[in-house]
Every structure is written in structure tokens, then in C-alpha cells.
């Protein structure tokens, strides 16, 4: 049994299609999407349609809820606000209904899926400090909590003795009695200095998680952002992964 776990497409159709093409060769059984299908990129409607068609579990991100008025966007920076306002105009009624009905989190078997944090997911917090990570581990009982939101891959581990640490290895075998918080990074807008699309594959039978990076047609995605009249900065940043 293999899960593909994706997050933060942000309207980047080129990146999303590249990931879907790779998944067709990976023999995955289920696909989970951790939110933010829209925002920033030039193809929010097409990406929403594909998420609806191709995923088994989808949870809401702050940009998804922001686009339908369910999340406060007053804290968004100027560029993000401009993008979300443009995005609203591109979505049909069916798209808005789909996004508005997405849950904040989902649990299947021993897996917890959420966009931001397992505690107070509606607040859209980040796991930036060790106290945040420890609080995260106190907030779920499953083996793995998969998250996105920061656009930066990370793996945090809690061992049998309750010690919490991070892994620099993005291909790991899971240990019995351990818990994991795994950030799968971003499909459409990585921010770790690597512009390649990121996604994870979890093989339950092998007890193994692997983060994958694949290149995509960044130039086309950039051109479409500029032609749509979105802030040019959004085109620049996907070329450098920041």
C-alpha cells in the first residue's frame, strides 16, 4: 500500500501535471493533498479540477479558505492579497463549493493529514520552533502527521523515550513505537532554495517515507503568471525556489 502525499500546488498547473505524470509511474494506491490548491499561480480552476479528480483525501489550506471567505486574509502580504483577489475571479461556483467544503484535517488508519498544524489547524500556525514541534506531537495519536504550509520539507521524530529531533535524511524507514511529523514541501512553490516540485511517497508495507523532487516547465508557469497580470514577483520566486 503506497500513499502519495502532496501539498501547496498554488495554481501551478505545470508543476502539478509533472507530479501527476511521475505518480502514474510510481504505482501509488492513494493520493492525499494537504491544501492550498489555489493562490499565487495562474491556473487555480484547472488545478482545483485536477485535485477533485485525482486525490482520495483533500484538506483545506489557508489560501483555499481565503478564496471563499472562510479564512481571514487581512494578514496576507500585499502580493498574496492581490493573488487571492485575482483567484476568486477565476473560480466558478462549483470550484467555490468544492473549496468551501474541504475539512481542516483528515485521519485514515494511522495517518493524520492537515495543512498547518495538528493543533488549532484553523489558526494556520507554522511549526517553526521546537516548542511548536513538541506541541504538535502532543496533539495527535497517529503514527504520522503529514503537513505542508511552510513550503519547506522537514521530518521531525519522537522516539519511544519521548525525545524529539529532526532528520536530515528525506528517505527514512519508520521505527515501531516512534511518531513522525512530516512536511512534504510544496508542489507549486518550493521555498527551500530548490525550485523542483516536491512530494512524498509513504510505503506502508515497507514502512518507508521518501521525499521526491522533480523538475517541471518553470518558464511556462512564469510566463502565464505574468500574462495573467499577477505580481511579477510570483513568477520570479518559483524560478529560484524562494
C-alpha atoms as a PDB file:
ATOM      1  CA  UNK A   1       0.000   0.000   0.000  1.00  0.00           C
ATOM      2  CA  UNK A   2       1.521   3.307  -1.111  1.00  0.00           C
ATOM      3  CA  UNK A   3       0.355   6.828  -0.357  1.00  0.00           C
ATOM      4  CA  UNK A   4       1.415   9.852  -2.379  1.00  0.00           C
ATOM      5  CA  UNK A   5       1.229  12.989  -0.234  1.00  0.00           C
ATOM      6  CA  UNK A   6       1.195  16.403  -1.921  1.00  0.00           C
ATOM      7  CA  UNK A   7       0.770  19.958  -0.684  1.00  0.00           C
ATOM      8  CA  UNK A   8       0.721  23.586  -1.801  1.00  0.00           C
ATOM      9  CA  UNK A   9       0.109  23.469  -5.540  1.00  0.00           C
ATOM     10  CA  UNK A  10      -0.853  27.150  -5.544  1.00  0.00           C
ATOM     11  CA  UNK A  11      -2.292  27.235  -9.036  1.00  0.00           C
ATOM     12  CA  UNK A  12       0.904  25.961 -10.660  1.00  0.00           C
ATOM     13  CA  UNK A  13      -0.501  23.621 -13.295  1.00  0.00           C
ATOM     14  CA  UNK A  14       2.876  22.795 -14.853  1.00  0.00           C
ATOM     15  CA  UNK A  15       4.302  21.592 -11.542  1.00  0.00           C
ATOM     16  CA  UNK A  16       1.149  19.672 -10.649  1.00  0.00           C
ATOM     17  CA  UNK A  17       0.997  17.869 -14.002  1.00  0.00           C
ATOM     18  CA  UNK A  18       4.662  16.919 -13.706  1.00  0.00           C
ATOM     19  CA  UNK A  19       3.968  15.354 -10.305  1.00  0.00           C
ATOM     20  CA  UNK A  20       0.898  13.526 -11.594  1.00  0.00           C
ATOM     21  CA  UNK A  21       2.926  12.168 -14.505  1.00  0.00           C
ATOM     22  CA  UNK A  22       5.523  10.835 -12.085  1.00  0.00           C
ATOM     23  CA  UNK A  23       2.860   9.304  -9.844  1.00  0.00           C
ATOM     24  CA  UNK A  24       1.471   7.372 -12.797  1.00  0.00           C
ATOM     25  CA  UNK A  25       4.798   5.513 -12.840  1.00  0.00           C
ATOM     26  CA  UNK A  26       5.086   5.035  -9.072  1.00  0.00           C
ATOM     27  CA  UNK A  27       2.253   2.526  -8.580  1.00  0.00           C
ATOM     28  CA  UNK A  28       0.662   4.510  -5.739  1.00  0.00           C
ATOM     29  CA  UNK A  29      -2.660   3.352  -4.303  1.00  0.00           C
ATOM     30  CA  UNK A  30      -3.956   6.608  -2.815  1.00  0.00           C
ATOM     31  CA  UNK A  31      -3.218  10.318  -3.092  1.00  0.00           C
ATOM     32  CA  UNK A  32      -3.610  12.811  -0.258  1.00  0.00           C
ATOM     33  CA  UNK A  33      -3.476  16.565  -0.813  1.00  0.00           C
ATOM     34  CA  UNK A  34      -2.714  18.811   2.164  1.00  0.00           C
ATOM     35  CA  UNK A  35      -4.214  22.084   0.985  1.00  0.00           C
ATOM     36  CA  UNK A  36      -3.578  25.319  -0.901  1.00  0.00           C
ATOM     37  CA  UNK A  37      -4.524  24.221  -4.376  1.00  0.00           C
ATOM     38  CA  UNK A  38      -5.033  27.912  -5.253  1.00  0.00           C
ATOM     39  CA  UNK A  39      -3.249  31.212  -4.701  1.00  0.00           C
ATOM     40  CA  UNK A  40      -0.193  32.714  -6.466  1.00  0.00           C
ATOM     41  CA  UNK A  41      -0.294  30.672  -9.696  1.00  0.00           C
ATOM     42  CA  UNK A  42      -2.119  31.272 -12.975  1.00  0.00           C
ATOM     43  CA  UNK A  43      -4.318  28.127 -13.140  1.00  0.00           C
ATOM     44  CA  UNK A  44      -6.429  27.900  -9.980  1.00  0.00           C
ATOM     45  CA  UNK A  45      -9.509  26.491 -11.742  1.00  0.00           C
ATOM     46  CA  UNK A  46      -7.694  23.759 -13.648  1.00  0.00           C
ATOM     47  CA  UNK A  47      -5.689  22.765 -10.578  1.00  0.00           C
ATOM     48  CA  UNK A  48      -8.862  22.597  -8.483  1.00  0.00           C
ATOM     49  CA  UNK A  49     -10.500  20.350 -11.067  1.00  0.00           C
ATOM     50  CA  UNK A  50      -7.494  18.018 -11.081  1.00  0.00           C
ATOM     51  CA  UNK A  51      -7.338  17.845  -7.288  1.00  0.00           C
ATOM     52  CA  UNK A  52     -11.020  16.981  -7.223  1.00  0.00           C
ATOM     53  CA  UNK A  53     -10.493  14.250  -9.837  1.00  0.00           C
ATOM     54  CA  UNK A  54      -7.181  12.758  -8.746  1.00  0.00           C
ATOM     55  CA  UNK A  55      -6.998  12.791  -4.944  1.00  0.00           C
ATOM     56  CA  UNK A  56      -8.531  10.458  -2.383  1.00  0.00           C
ATOM     57  CA  UNK A  57      -8.165  12.823   0.569  1.00  0.00           C
ATOM     58  CA  UNK A  58      -8.012  16.614   0.374  1.00  0.00           C
ATOM     59  CA  UNK A  59      -7.867  19.040   3.283  1.00  0.00           C
ATOM     60  CA  UNK A  60      -8.139  22.816   3.225  1.00  0.00           C
ATOM     61  CA  UNK A  61      -5.291  25.298   3.150  1.00  0.00           C
ATOM     62  CA  UNK A  62      -5.473  28.940   4.191  1.00  0.00           C
ATOM     63  CA  UNK A  63      -5.469  30.136   0.570  1.00  0.00           C
ATOM     64  CA  UNK A  64      -8.285  27.730  -0.273  1.00  0.00           C
ATOM     65  CA  UNK A  65     -10.403  29.040   2.578  1.00  0.00           C
ATOM     66  CA  UNK A  66      -9.267  32.604   1.877  1.00  0.00           C
ATOM     67  CA  UNK A  67     -10.529  32.365  -1.680  1.00  0.00           C
ATOM     68  CA  UNK A  68     -14.039  31.516  -0.461  1.00  0.00           C
ATOM     69  CA  UNK A  69     -14.148  33.896   2.507  1.00  0.00           C
ATOM     70  CA  UNK A  70     -13.658  31.271   5.207  1.00  0.00           C
ATOM     71  CA  UNK A  71     -10.216  32.479   6.323  1.00  0.00           C
ATOM     72  CA  UNK A  72      -9.113  35.963   7.306  1.00  0.00           C
ATOM     73  CA  UNK A  73      -6.809  37.323   4.603  1.00  0.00           C
ATOM     74  CA  UNK A  74      -6.001  40.575   6.390  1.00  0.00           C
ATOM     75  CA  UNK A  75      -2.682  39.070   7.494  1.00  0.00           C
ATOM     76  CA  UNK A  76      -1.729  38.201   3.896  1.00  0.00           C
ATOM     77  CA  UNK A  77       1.048  40.316   2.439  1.00  0.00           C
ATOM     78  CA  UNK A  78       0.312  42.628  -0.472  1.00  0.00           C
ATOM     79  CA  UNK A  79       1.326  40.100  -3.116  1.00  0.00           C
ATOM     80  CA  UNK A  80      -0.686  37.280  -1.547  1.00  0.00           C
ATOM     81  CA  UNK A  81      -3.762  39.520  -1.253  1.00  0.00           C
ATOM     82  CA  UNK A  82      -3.523  40.548  -4.887  1.00  0.00           C
ATOM     83  CA  UNK A  83      -3.218  36.904  -5.915  1.00  0.00           C
ATOM     84  CA  UNK A  84      -6.166  35.717  -3.833  1.00  0.00           C
ATOM     85  CA  UNK A  85      -8.399  38.517  -5.117  1.00  0.00           C
ATOM     86  CA  UNK A  86      -7.471  37.595  -8.698  1.00  0.00           C
ATOM     87  CA  UNK A  87      -8.016  33.914  -7.905  1.00  0.00           C
ATOM     88  CA  UNK A  88     -11.581  34.492  -6.680  1.00  0.00           C
ATOM     89  CA  UNK A  89     -12.483  35.903 -10.073  1.00  0.00           C
ATOM     90  CA  UNK A  90     -11.183  32.792 -11.865  1.00  0.00           C
ATOM     91  CA  UNK A  91     -13.220  30.248  -9.911  1.00  0.00           C
ATOM     92  CA  UNK A  92     -16.692  29.034 -10.829  1.00  0.00           C
ATOM     93  CA  UNK A  93     -19.472  28.325  -8.371  1.00  0.00           C
ATOM     94  CA  UNK A  94     -18.595  24.634  -8.398  1.00  0.00           C
ATOM     95  CA  UNK A  95     -14.970  25.423  -7.548  1.00  0.00           C
ATOM     96  CA  UNK A  96     -16.039  27.652  -4.659  1.00  0.00           C
ATOM     97  CA  UNK A  97     -18.366  24.975  -3.306  1.00  0.00           C
ATOM     98  CA  UNK A  98     -15.633  22.340  -3.511  1.00  0.00           C
ATOM     99  CA  UNK A  99     -13.111  24.513  -1.671  1.00  0.00           C
ATOM    100  CA  UNK A 100     -15.602  25.643   0.968  1.00  0.00           C
ATOM    101  CA  UNK A 101     -16.463  22.039   1.868  1.00  0.00           C
ATOM    102  CA  UNK A 102     -12.886  20.889   2.434  1.00  0.00           C
ATOM    103  CA  UNK A 103     -12.206  19.743   6.012  1.00  0.00           C
ATOM    104  CA  UNK A 104      -9.366  21.149   8.092  1.00  0.00           C
ATOM    105  CA  UNK A 105      -7.914  17.703   8.722  1.00  0.00           C
ATOM    106  CA  UNK A 106      -8.486  14.058   7.934  1.00  0.00           C
ATOM    107  CA  UNK A 107      -7.448  10.775   9.508  1.00  0.00           C
ATOM    108  CA  UNK A 108      -7.142   7.398   7.810  1.00  0.00           C
ATOM    109  CA  UNK A 109      -5.729   4.360   9.590  1.00  0.00           C
ATOM    110  CA  UNK A 110      -2.592   5.568  11.387  1.00  0.00           C
ATOM    111  CA  UNK A 111      -2.153   8.718   9.286  1.00  0.00           C
ATOM    112  CA  UNK A 112      -3.190  12.278  10.126  1.00  0.00           C
ATOM    113  CA  UNK A 113      -3.419  14.805   7.273  1.00  0.00           C
ATOM    114  CA  UNK A 114      -3.528  18.574   7.919  1.00  0.00           C
ATOM    115  CA  UNK A 115      -2.310  21.705   6.178  1.00  0.00           C
ATOM    116  CA  UNK A 116      -0.760  23.643   9.041  1.00  0.00           C
ATOM    117  CA  UNK A 117      -0.605  22.031  12.493  1.00  0.00           C
ATOM    118  CA  UNK A 118      -2.449  19.191  14.225  1.00  0.00           C
ATOM    119  CA  UNK A 119      -3.425  21.666  16.959  1.00  0.00           C
ATOM    120  CA  UNK A 120      -5.781  24.530  16.076  1.00  0.00           C
ATOM    121  CA  UNK A 121      -5.471  23.980  12.318  1.00  0.00           C
ATOM    122  CA  UNK A 122      -7.880  26.862  11.713  1.00  0.00           C
ATOM    123  CA  UNK A 123      -5.242  29.294  13.013  1.00  0.00           C
ATOM    124  CA  UNK A 124      -2.802  28.386  10.211  1.00  0.00           C
ATOM    125  CA  UNK A 125       0.216  28.318  12.518  1.00  0.00           C
ATOM    126  CA  UNK A 126       3.670  27.102  11.477  1.00  0.00           C
ATOM    127  CA  UNK A 127       5.965  24.592  13.156  1.00  0.00           C
ATOM    128  CA  UNK A 128       8.933  26.926  13.214  1.00  0.00           C
ATOM    129  CA  UNK A 129      10.248  26.398  16.764  1.00  0.00           C
ATOM    130  CA  UNK A 130      10.985  23.305  18.815  1.00  0.00           C
ATOM    131  CA  UNK A 131       8.178  24.249  21.203  1.00  0.00           C
ATOM    132  CA  UNK A 132       5.803  24.269  18.217  1.00  0.00           C
ATOM    133  CA  UNK A 133       7.021  20.829  17.148  1.00  0.00           C
ATOM    134  CA  UNK A 134       6.654  19.384  20.658  1.00  0.00           C
ATOM    135  CA  UNK A 135       3.165  20.869  20.923  1.00  0.00           C
ATOM    136  CA  UNK A 136       2.427  19.257  17.580  1.00  0.00           C
ATOM    137  CA  UNK A 137       3.402  15.822  18.852  1.00  0.00           C
ATOM    138  CA  UNK A 138       1.115  16.298  21.847  1.00  0.00           C
ATOM    139  CA  UNK A 139      -1.812  16.974  19.506  1.00  0.00           C
ATOM    140  CA  UNK A 140      -2.195  13.699  17.602  1.00  0.00           C
ATOM    141  CA  UNK A 141      -2.043   9.990  18.386  1.00  0.00           C
ATOM    142  CA  UNK A 142      -1.347   8.548  14.946  1.00  0.00           C
ATOM    143  CA  UNK A 143       1.973   7.227  13.706  1.00  0.00           C
ATOM    144  CA  UNK A 144       2.463  10.033  11.181  1.00  0.00           C
ATOM    145  CA  UNK A 145       1.103  13.555  10.858  1.00  0.00           C
ATOM    146  CA  UNK A 146       1.634  14.878   7.343  1.00  0.00           C
ATOM    147  CA  UNK A 147       1.708  18.674   6.967  1.00  0.00           C
ATOM    148  CA  UNK A 148       2.517  21.375   4.405  1.00  0.00           C
ATOM    149  CA  UNK A 149       2.006  25.155   4.672  1.00  0.00           C
ATOM    150  CA  UNK A 150       5.621  26.318   5.085  1.00  0.00           C
ATOM    151  CA  UNK A 151       6.645  25.045   1.609  1.00  0.00           C
ATOM    152  CA  UNK A 152       9.807  23.647   3.202  1.00  0.00           C
ATOM    153  CA  UNK A 153      10.312  19.884   3.624  1.00  0.00           C
ATOM    154  CA  UNK A 154      11.077  18.655   7.137  1.00  0.00           C
ATOM    155  CA  UNK A 155      10.913  15.453   9.161  1.00  0.00           C
ATOM    156  CA  UNK A 156      10.509  15.522  12.944  1.00  0.00           C
ATOM    157  CA  UNK A 157      10.731  12.371  15.020  1.00  0.00           C
ATOM    158  CA  UNK A 158       9.583  11.467  18.528  1.00  0.00           C
ATOM    159  CA  UNK A 159      11.185   8.268  19.788  1.00  0.00           C
ATOM    160  CA  UNK A 160       9.953   5.754  22.357  1.00  0.00           C
ATOM    161  CA  UNK A 161      11.529   7.722  25.196  1.00  0.00           C
ATOM    162  CA  UNK A 162       9.785  10.926  24.114  1.00  0.00           C
ATOM    163  CA  UNK A 163      12.891  12.585  22.691  1.00  0.00           C
ATOM    164  CA  UNK A 164      12.169  14.873  19.736  1.00  0.00           C
ATOM    165  CA  UNK A 165      14.640  15.569  16.951  1.00  0.00           C
ATOM    166  CA  UNK A 166      14.778  16.198  13.206  1.00  0.00           C
ATOM    167  CA  UNK A 167      16.129  14.109  10.353  1.00  0.00           C
ATOM    168  CA  UNK A 168      18.367  15.443   7.607  1.00  0.00           C
ATOM    169  CA  UNK A 169      17.640  12.318   5.586  1.00  0.00           C
ATOM    170  CA  UNK A 170      14.482  12.618   3.483  1.00  0.00           C
ATOM    171  CA  UNK A 171      14.319   8.892   2.804  1.00  0.00           C
ATOM    172  CA  UNK A 172      13.682   7.113   6.090  1.00  0.00           C
ATOM    173  CA  UNK A 173      12.357   3.856   7.471  1.00  0.00           C
ATOM    174  CA  UNK A 174       9.865   4.251  10.272  1.00  0.00           C
ATOM    175  CA  UNK A 175      10.533   2.662  13.658  1.00  0.00           C
ATOM    176  CA  UNK A 176       7.925   0.858  15.739  1.00  0.00           C
ATOM    177  CA  UNK A 177       6.733   2.991  18.631  1.00  0.00           C
ATOM    178  CA  UNK A 178       8.000   6.234  17.096  1.00  0.00           C
ATOM    179  CA  UNK A 179       5.868   9.162  15.906  1.00  0.00           C
ATOM    180  CA  UNK A 180       6.612  11.413  12.951  1.00  0.00           C
ATOM    181  CA  UNK A 181       5.627  14.854  11.718  1.00  0.00           C
ATOM    182  CA  UNK A 182       6.493  15.070   8.030  1.00  0.00           C
ATOM    183  CA  UNK A 183       6.310  18.250   5.981  1.00  0.00           C
ATOM    184  CA  UNK A 184       6.175  17.205   2.324  1.00  0.00           C
ATOM    185  CA  UNK A 185       7.131  20.640   0.995  1.00  0.00           C
ATOM    186  CA  UNK A 186       5.376  22.250  -1.957  1.00  0.00           C
ATOM    187  CA  UNK A 187       4.413  21.084  -5.416  1.00  0.00           C
ATOM    188  CA  UNK A 188       3.985  24.517  -6.947  1.00  0.00           C
ATOM    189  CA  UNK A 189       6.049  26.940  -4.903  1.00  0.00           C
ATOM    190  CA  UNK A 190       9.005  25.428  -3.017  1.00  0.00           C
ATOM    191  CA  UNK A 191      10.806  27.769  -0.620  1.00  0.00           C
ATOM    192  CA  UNK A 192      13.859  25.760   0.357  1.00  0.00           C
ATOM    193  CA  UNK A 193      16.081  27.060  -2.438  1.00  0.00           C
ATOM    194  CA  UNK A 194      15.228  24.188  -4.772  1.00  0.00           C
ATOM    195  CA  UNK A 195      12.677  25.107  -7.471  1.00  0.00           C
ATOM    196  CA  UNK A 196      11.831  21.471  -8.272  1.00  0.00           C
ATOM    197  CA  UNK A 197       8.348  20.274  -7.281  1.00  0.00           C
ATOM    198  CA  UNK A 198       8.266  18.318  -4.005  1.00  0.00           C
ATOM    199  CA  UNK A 199       6.012  15.468  -2.907  1.00  0.00           C
ATOM    200  CA  UNK A 200       6.211  12.456  -0.636  1.00  0.00           C
ATOM    201  CA  UNK A 201       5.567   8.743  -1.010  1.00  0.00           C
ATOM    202  CA  UNK A 202       4.842   6.603   2.021  1.00  0.00           C
ATOM    203  CA  UNK A 203       5.060   2.842   1.550  1.00  0.00           C
ATOM    204  CA  UNK A 204       3.122   1.272   4.403  1.00  0.00           C
ATOM    205  CA  UNK A 205       4.344  -2.260   3.721  1.00  0.00           C
ATOM    206  CA  UNK A 206       7.995  -1.206   3.675  1.00  0.00           C
ATOM    207  CA  UNK A 207       7.464   1.347   6.489  1.00  0.00           C
ATOM    208  CA  UNK A 208       9.379   3.850   4.365  1.00  0.00           C
ATOM    209  CA  UNK A 209       8.875   7.518   3.513  1.00  0.00           C
ATOM    210  CA  UNK A 210      10.675   9.183   0.610  1.00  0.00           C
ATOM    211  CA  UNK A 211      10.608  12.824  -0.416  1.00  0.00           C
ATOM    212  CA  UNK A 212      10.798  13.244  -4.174  1.00  0.00           C
ATOM    213  CA  UNK A 213      11.890  16.284  -6.222  1.00  0.00           C
ATOM    214  CA  UNK A 214      11.204  16.637  -9.918  1.00  0.00           C
ATOM    215  CA  UNK A 215      11.835  19.452 -12.395  1.00  0.00           C
ATOM    216  CA  UNK A 216       8.990  20.935 -14.405  1.00  0.00           C
ATOM    217  CA  UNK A 217       8.410  23.636 -17.037  1.00  0.00           C
ATOM    218  CA  UNK A 218       9.085  26.635 -14.807  1.00  0.00           C
ATOM    219  CA  UNK A 219       9.372  29.023 -17.749  1.00  0.00           C
ATOM    220  CA  UNK A 220       5.815  28.335 -18.915  1.00  0.00           C
ATOM    221  CA  UNK A 221       4.466  28.733 -15.378  1.00  0.00           C
ATOM    222  CA  UNK A 222       6.303  32.050 -15.057  1.00  0.00           C
ATOM    223  CA  UNK A 223       5.051  33.322 -18.412  1.00  0.00           C
ATOM    224  CA  UNK A 224       1.446  32.508 -17.542  1.00  0.00           C
ATOM    225  CA  UNK A 225       1.716  34.358 -14.219  1.00  0.00           C
ATOM    226  CA  UNK A 226       2.973  37.486 -15.971  1.00  0.00           C
ATOM    227  CA  UNK A 227       0.402  37.267 -18.777  1.00  0.00           C
ATOM    228  CA  UNK A 228      -2.381  36.927 -16.200  1.00  0.00           C
ATOM    229  CA  UNK A 229      -1.384  40.276 -14.693  1.00  0.00           C
ATOM    230  CA  UNK A 230      -0.358  38.774 -11.374  1.00  0.00           C
ATOM    231  CA  UNK A 231       2.562  40.348  -9.483  1.00  0.00           C
ATOM    232  CA  UNK A 232       5.811  39.641 -11.338  1.00  0.00           C
ATOM    233  CA  UNK A 233       7.467  38.638  -8.071  1.00  0.00           C
ATOM    234  CA  UNK A 234       5.357  35.468  -8.096  1.00  0.00           C
ATOM    235  CA  UNK A 235       6.958  34.468 -11.370  1.00  0.00           C
ATOM    236  CA  UNK A 236      10.448  35.304 -10.159  1.00  0.00           C
ATOM    237  CA  UNK A 237      10.278  33.321  -6.931  1.00  0.00           C
ATOM    238  CA  UNK A 238       9.270  29.973  -8.456  1.00  0.00           C
ATOM    239  CA  UNK A 239      12.414  30.114 -10.580  1.00  0.00           C
ATOM    240  CA  UNK A 240      14.637  30.197  -7.503  1.00  0.00           C
ATOM    241  CA  UNK A 241      12.580  28.198  -5.036  1.00  0.00           C
ATOM    242  CA  UNK A 242      12.150  31.018  -2.534  1.00  0.00           C
END
